[in-house]
PDB file of all heavy atoms in Angstrom:
ATOM      1  N   SER A   1       0.828  -1.209   0.000  1.00  0.00           N
ATOM      2  CA  SER A   1       0.000   0.000   0.000  1.00  0.00           C
ATOM      3  C   SER A   1       0.864   1.262   0.000  1.00  0.00           C
ATOM      4  O   SER A   1       0.381   2.357  -0.301  1.00  0.00           O
ATOM      5  CB  SER A   1      -0.955   0.006   1.204  1.00  0.00           C
ATOM      6  OG  SER A   1      -0.225   0.090   2.419  1.00  0.00           O
ATOM      7  N   ASP A   2       2.161   1.124   0.309  1.00  0.00           N
ATOM      8  CA  ASP A   2       3.094   2.254   0.281  1.00  0.00           C
ATOM      9  C   ASP A   2       3.649   2.513  -1.119  1.00  0.00           C
ATOM     10  O   ASP A   2       4.306   3.532  -1.343  1.00  0.00           O
ATOM     11  CB  ASP A   2       4.273   2.005   1.235  1.00  0.00           C
ATOM     12  CG  ASP A   2       3.826   1.814   2.676  1.00  0.00           C
ATOM     13  OD1 ASP A   2       2.769   2.359   3.051  1.00  0.00           O
ATOM     14  OD2 ASP A   2       4.541   1.113   3.421  1.00  0.00           O
ATOM     15  N   LEU A   3       3.390   1.613  -2.064  1.00  0.00           N
ATOM     16  CA  LEU A   3       3.978   1.730  -3.391  1.00  0.00           C
ATOM     17  C   LEU A   3       3.610   3.020  -4.122  1.00  0.00           C
ATOM     18  O   LEU A   3       4.485   3.619  -4.760  1.00  0.00           O
ATOM     19  CB  LEU A   3       3.635   0.511  -4.250  1.00  0.00           C
ATOM     20  CG  LEU A   3       4.307   0.452  -5.626  1.00  0.00           C
ATOM     21  CD1 LEU A   3       5.831   0.521  -5.492  1.00  0.00           C
ATOM     22  CD2 LEU A   3       3.894  -0.816  -6.359  1.00  0.00           C
ATOM     23  N   PRO A   4       2.372   3.510  -4.048  1.00  0.00           N
ATOM     24  CA  PRO A   4       2.089   4.766  -4.752  1.00  0.00           C
ATOM     25  C   PRO A   4       2.995   5.925  -4.314  1.00  0.00           C
ATOM     26  O   PRO A   4       3.362   6.759  -5.134  1.00  0.00           O
ATOM     27  CB  PRO A   4       0.627   5.048  -4.405  1.00  0.00           C
ATOM     28  CG  PRO A   4       0.037   3.692  -4.163  1.00  0.00           C
ATOM     29  CD  PRO A   4       1.146   2.906  -3.495  1.00  0.00           C
ATOM     30  N   VAL A   5       3.397   5.951  -3.056  1.00  0.00           N
ATOM     31  CA  VAL A   5       4.331   6.976  -2.586  1.00  0.00           C
ATOM     32  C   VAL A   5       5.740   6.638  -3.046  1.00  0.00           C
ATOM     33  O   VAL A   5       6.475   7.494  -3.552  1.00  0.00           O
ATOM     34  CB  VAL A   5       4.286   7.096  -1.041  1.00  0.00           C
ATOM     35  CG1 VAL A   5       5.409   7.983  -0.524  1.00  0.00           C
ATOM     36  CG2 VAL A   5       2.928   7.628  -0.600  1.00  0.00           C
ATOM     37  N   MET A   6       6.137   5.403  -2.904  1.00  0.00           N
ATOM     38  CA  MET A   6       7.511   4.992  -3.184  1.00  0.00           C
ATOM     39  C   MET A   6       7.842   4.957  -4.675  1.00  0.00           C
ATOM     40  O   MET A   6       9.008   4.930  -5.048  1.00  0.00           O
ATOM     41  CB  MET A   6       7.799   3.642  -2.535  1.00  0.00           C
ATOM     42  CG  MET A   6       7.775   3.698  -1.012  1.00  0.00           C
ATOM     43  SD  MET A   6       8.811   5.025  -0.331  1.00  0.00           S
ATOM     44  CE  MET A   6      10.420   4.449  -0.817  1.00  0.00           C
ATOM     45  N   GLU A   7       6.818   4.984  -5.525  1.00  0.00           N
ATOM     46  CA  GLU A   7       7.079   5.013  -6.968  1.00  0.00           C
ATOM     47  C   GLU A   7       7.919   6.217  -7.374  1.00  0.00           C
ATOM     48  O   GLU A   7       8.710   6.137  -8.316  1.00  0.00           O
ATOM     49  CB  GLU A   7       5.760   5.004  -7.747  1.00  0.00           C
ATOM     50  CG  GLU A   7       5.134   3.634  -7.797  1.00  0.00           C
ATOM     51  CD  GLU A   7       3.806   3.610  -8.527  1.00  0.00           C
ATOM     52  OE1 GLU A   7       3.064   4.618  -8.483  1.00  0.00           O
ATOM     53  OE2 GLU A   7       3.519   2.562  -9.137  1.00  0.00           O
ATOM     54  N   LYS A   8       7.791   7.320  -6.650  1.00  0.00           N
ATOM     55  CA  LYS A   8       8.598   8.505  -6.968  1.00  0.00           C
ATOM     56  C   LYS A   8      10.083   8.223  -6.737  1.00  0.00           C
ATOM     57  O   LYS A   8      10.935   8.687  -7.495  1.00  0.00           O
ATOM     58  CB  LYS A   8       8.131   9.696  -6.144  1.00  0.00           C
ATOM     59  CG  LYS A   8       6.766  10.185  -6.559  1.00  0.00           C
ATOM     60  CD  LYS A   8       6.278  11.309  -5.690  1.00  0.00           C
ATOM     61  CE  LYS A   8       4.873  11.707  -6.127  1.00  0.00           C
ATOM     62  NZ  LYS A   8       4.150  12.380  -5.090  1.00  0.00           N
ATOM     63  N   ALA A   9      10.389   7.468  -5.695  1.00  0.00           N
ATOM     64  CA  ALA A   9      11.786   7.082  -5.454  1.00  0.00           C
ATOM     65  C   ALA A   9      12.254   6.140  -6.552  1.00  0.00           C
ATOM     66  O   ALA A   9      13.362   6.295  -7.082  1.00  0.00           O
ATOM     67  CB  ALA A   9      11.934   6.420  -4.084  1.00  0.00           C
ATOM     68  N   CYS A  10      11.424   5.175  -6.907  1.00  0.00           N
ATOM     69  CA  CYS A  10      11.793   4.220  -7.952  1.00  0.00           C
ATOM     70  C   CYS A  10      12.053   4.942  -9.267  1.00  0.00           C
ATOM     71  O   CYS A  10      13.041   4.656  -9.959  1.00  0.00           O
ATOM     72  CB  CYS A  10      10.688   3.184  -8.132  1.00  0.00           C
ATOM     73  SG  CYS A  10      10.424   2.123  -6.701  1.00  0.00           S
ATOM     74  N   LYS A  11      11.205   5.876  -9.615  1.00  0.00           N
ATOM     75  CA  LYS A  11      11.383   6.613 -10.871  1.00  0.00           C
ATOM     76  C   LYS A  11      12.674   7.411 -10.848  1.00  0.00           C
ATOM     77  O   LYS A  11      13.421   7.415 -11.825  1.00  0.00           O
ATOM     78  CB  LYS A  11      10.193   7.530 -11.135  1.00  0.00           C
ATOM     79  CG  LYS A  11      10.386   8.347 -12.403  1.00  0.00           C
ATOM     80  CD  LYS A  11       9.143   8.956 -12.931  1.00  0.00           C
ATOM     81  CE  LYS A  11       9.303   9.745 -14.205  1.00  0.00           C
ATOM     82  NZ  LYS A  11      10.553   9.767 -14.882  1.00  0.00           N
ATOM     83  N   PHE A  12      12.960   8.091  -9.732  1.00  0.00           N
ATOM     84  CA  PHE A  12      14.180   8.885  -9.664  1.00  0.00           C
ATOM     85  C   PHE A  12      15.412   7.989  -9.779  1.00  0.00           C
ATOM     86  O   PHE A  12      16.345   8.302 -10.521  1.00  0.00           O
ATOM     87  CB  PHE A  12      14.231   9.714  -8.377  1.00  0.00           C
ATOM     88  CG  PHE A  12      15.420  10.627  -8.349  1.00  0.00           C
ATOM     89  CD1 PHE A  12      15.400  11.828  -9.034  1.00  0.00           C
ATOM     90  CD2 PHE A  12      16.575  10.274  -7.665  1.00  0.00           C
ATOM     91  CE1 PHE A  12      16.508  12.663  -9.040  1.00  0.00           C
ATOM     92  CE2 PHE A  12      17.692  11.092  -7.667  1.00  0.00           C
ATOM     93  CZ  PHE A  12      17.659  12.297  -8.357  1.00  0.00           C
ATOM     94  N   LEU A  13      15.429   6.887  -9.039  1.00  0.00           N
ATOM     95  CA  LEU A  13      16.570   5.967  -9.109  1.00  0.00           C
ATOM     96  C   LEU A  13      16.736   5.423 -10.525  1.00  0.00           C
ATOM     97  O   LEU A  13      17.851   5.302 -11.027  1.00  0.00           O
ATOM     98  CB  LEU A  13      16.407   4.834  -8.095  1.00  0.00           C
ATOM     99  CG  LEU A  13      16.470   5.264  -6.633  1.00  0.00           C
ATOM    100  CD1 LEU A  13      16.039   4.115  -5.727  1.00  0.00           C
ATOM    101  CD2 LEU A  13      17.854   5.769  -6.261  1.00  0.00           C
ATOM    102  N   ASP A  14      15.627   5.113 -11.169  1.00  0.00           N
ATOM    103  CA  ASP A  14      15.672   4.646 -12.549  1.00  0.00           C
ATOM    104  C   ASP A  14      16.250   5.726 -13.462  1.00  0.00           C
ATOM    105  O   ASP A  14      17.113   5.445 -14.296  1.00  0.00           O
ATOM    106  CB  ASP A  14      14.255   4.269 -12.996  1.00  0.00           C
ATOM    107  CG  ASP A  14      14.203   3.049 -13.872  1.00  0.00           C
ATOM    108  OD1 ASP A  14      14.928   2.076 -13.603  1.00  0.00           O
ATOM    109  OD2 ASP A  14      13.423   3.077 -14.841  1.00  0.00           O
ATOM    110  N   ASP A  15      15.775   6.967 -13.307  1.00  0.00           N
ATOM    111  CA  ASP A  15      16.282   8.081 -14.116  1.00  0.00           C
ATOM    112  C   ASP A  15      17.780   8.296 -13.903  1.00  0.00           C
ATOM    113  O   ASP A  15      18.497   8.675 -14.826  1.00  0.00           O
ATOM    114  CB  ASP A  15      15.537   9.379 -13.784  1.00  0.00           C
ATOM    115  CG  ASP A  15      14.095   9.387 -14.268  1.00  0.00           C
ATOM    116  OD1 ASP A  15      13.717   8.500 -15.069  1.00  0.00           O
ATOM    117  OD2 ASP A  15      13.338  10.270 -13.825  1.00  0.00           O
ATOM    118  N   MET A  16      18.252   8.042 -12.697  1.00  0.00           N
ATOM    119  CA  MET A  16      19.673   8.220 -12.373  1.00  0.00           C
ATOM    120  C   MET A  16      20.507   6.980 -12.731  1.00  0.00           C
ATOM    121  O   MET A  16      21.707   6.957 -12.514  1.00  0.00           O
ATOM    122  CB  MET A  16      19.856   8.527 -10.883  1.00  0.00           C
ATOM    123  CG  MET A  16      19.348   9.887 -10.453  1.00  0.00           C
ATOM    124  SD  MET A  16      20.356  11.236 -11.096  1.00  0.00           S
ATOM    125  CE  MET A  16      19.202  11.945 -12.256  1.00  0.00           C
ATOM    126  N   GLN A  17      19.841   5.955 -13.276  1.00  0.00           N
ATOM    127  CA  GLN A  17      20.498   4.709 -13.677  1.00  0.00           C
ATOM    128  C   GLN A  17      21.176   4.015 -12.488  1.00  0.00           C
ATOM    129  O   GLN A  17      22.270   3.454 -12.611  1.00  0.00           O
ATOM    130  CB  GLN A  17      21.506   4.975 -14.800  1.00  0.00           C
ATOM    131  CG  GLN A  17      20.872   5.597 -16.017  1.00  0.00           C
ATOM    132  CD  GLN A  17      21.883   6.074 -17.040  1.00  0.00           C
ATOM    133  OE1 GLN A  17      22.983   5.548 -17.122  1.00  0.00           O
ATOM    134  NE2 GLN A  17      21.508   7.067 -17.829  1.00  0.00           N
ATOM    135  N   VAL A  18      20.491   4.046 -11.347  1.00  0.00           N
ATOM    136  CA  VAL A  18      20.993   3.401 -10.134  1.00  0.00           C
ATOM    137  C   VAL A  18      20.196   2.112  -9.921  1.00  0.00           C
ATOM    138  O   VAL A  18      18.971   2.164  -9.741  1.00  0.00           O
ATOM    139  CB  VAL A  18      20.843   4.338  -8.907  1.00  0.00           C
ATOM    140  CG1 VAL A  18      21.165   3.606  -7.614  1.00  0.00           C
ATOM    141  CG2 VAL A  18      21.699   5.582  -9.081  1.00  0.00           C
ATOM    142  N   PRO A  19      20.846   0.956  -9.956  1.00  0.00           N
ATOM    143  CA  PRO A  19      20.133  -0.308  -9.696  1.00  0.00           C
ATOM    144  C   PRO A  19      19.546  -0.311  -8.279  1.00  0.00           C
ATOM    145  O   PRO A  19      20.167   0.195  -7.347  1.00  0.00           O
ATOM    146  CB  PRO A  19      21.229  -1.368  -9.823  1.00  0.00           C
ATOM    147  CG  PRO A  19      22.334  -0.716 -10.598  1.00  0.00           C
ATOM    148  CD  PRO A  19      22.263   0.745 -10.246  1.00  0.00           C
ATOM    149  N   PHE A  20      18.345  -0.855  -8.146  1.00  0.00           N
ATOM    150  CA  PHE A  20      17.687  -0.886  -6.836  1.00  0.00           C
ATOM    151  C   PHE A  20      16.749  -2.079  -6.734  1.00  0.00           C
ATOM    152  O   PHE A  20      16.364  -2.667  -7.736  1.00  0.00           O
ATOM    153  CB  PHE A  20      16.926   0.422  -6.578  1.00  0.00           C
ATOM    154  CG  PHE A  20      15.804   0.700  -7.551  1.00  0.00           C
ATOM    155  CD1 PHE A  20      14.497   0.351  -7.255  1.00  0.00           C
ATOM    156  CD2 PHE A  20      16.056   1.317  -8.770  1.00  0.00           C
ATOM    157  CE1 PHE A  20      13.465   0.605  -8.138  1.00  0.00           C
ATOM    158  CE2 PHE A  20      15.044   1.576  -9.673  1.00  0.00           C
ATOM    159  CZ  PHE A  20      13.734   1.226  -9.358  1.00  0.00           C
ATOM    160  N   GLU A  21      16.412  -2.408  -5.502  1.00  0.00           N
ATOM    161  CA  GLU A  21      15.425  -3.444  -5.207  1.00  0.00           C
ATOM    162  C   GLU A  21      14.185  -2.785  -4.627  1.00  0.00           C
ATOM    163  O   GLU A  21      14.276  -1.721  -4.019  1.00  0.00           O
ATOM    164  CB  GLU A  21      15.949  -4.404  -4.127  1.00  0.00           C
ATOM    165  CG  GLU A  21      17.138  -5.220  -4.504  1.00  0.00           C
ATOM    166  CD  GLU A  21      17.566  -6.157  -3.376  1.00  0.00           C
ATOM    167  OE1 GLU A  21      16.928  -6.187  -2.296  1.00  0.00           O
ATOM    168  OE2 GLU A  21      18.563  -6.862  -3.580  1.00  0.00           O
ATOM    169  N   VAL A  22      13.057  -3.436  -4.782  1.00  0.00           N
ATOM    170  CA  VAL A  22      11.821  -3.015  -4.122  1.00  0.00           C
ATOM    171  C   VAL A  22      11.266  -4.235  -3.407  1.00  0.00           C
ATOM    172  O   VAL A  22      11.056  -5.275  -4.023  1.00  0.00           O
ATOM    173  CB  VAL A  22      10.780  -2.471  -5.126  1.00  0.00           C
ATOM    174  CG1 VAL A  22       9.502  -2.072  -4.410  1.00  0.00           C
ATOM    175  CG2 VAL A  22      11.337  -1.300  -5.915  1.00  0.00           C
ATOM    176  N   ASN A  23      11.067  -4.087  -2.090  1.00  0.00           N
ATOM    177  CA  ASN A  23      10.557  -5.197  -1.280  1.00  0.00           C
ATOM    178  C   ASN A  23       9.467  -4.699  -0.349  1.00  0.00           C
ATOM    179  O   ASN A  23       9.507  -3.552   0.106  1.00  0.00           O
ATOM    180  CB  ASN A  23      11.687  -5.778  -0.408  1.00  0.00           C
ATOM    181  CG  ASN A  23      12.810  -6.341  -1.236  1.00  0.00           C
ATOM    182  OD1 ASN A  23      12.646  -7.341  -1.906  1.00  0.00           O
ATOM    183  ND2 ASN A  23      13.955  -5.684  -1.198  1.00  0.00           N
ATOM    184  N   ALA A  24       8.518  -5.562  -0.064  1.00  0.00           N
ATOM    185  CA  ALA A  24       7.533  -5.312   0.991  1.00  0.00           C
ATOM    186  C   ALA A  24       7.952  -6.175   2.178  1.00  0.00           C
ATOM    187  O   ALA A  24       7.956  -7.406   2.096  1.00  0.00           O
ATOM    188  CB  ALA A  24       6.124  -5.681   0.526  1.00  0.00           C
ATOM    189  N   LEU A  25       8.363  -5.514   3.258  1.00  0.00           N
ATOM    190  CA  LEU A  25       8.808  -6.198   4.473  1.00  0.00           C
ATOM    191  C   LEU A  25       8.179  -5.492   5.663  1.00  0.00           C
ATOM    192  O   LEU A  25       8.289  -4.278   5.784  1.00  0.00           O
ATOM    193  CB  LEU A  25      10.337  -6.137   4.597  1.00  0.00           C
ATOM    194  CG  LEU A  25      11.139  -6.806   3.488  1.00  0.00           C
ATOM    195  CD1 LEU A  25      12.595  -6.385   3.562  1.00  0.00           C
ATOM    196  CD2 LEU A  25      11.003  -8.315   3.599  1.00  0.00           C
TER     197      LEU A  25
END
C-alpha cells in the first residue's frame, strides 16, 4: 500500500540509472 508513494523514489533511481530493489517487508 506504500507503493504509490515509493514510486517517486523508484522513478528517480531509474532516471539516475541506479540499480535498486523493491521489497515489501
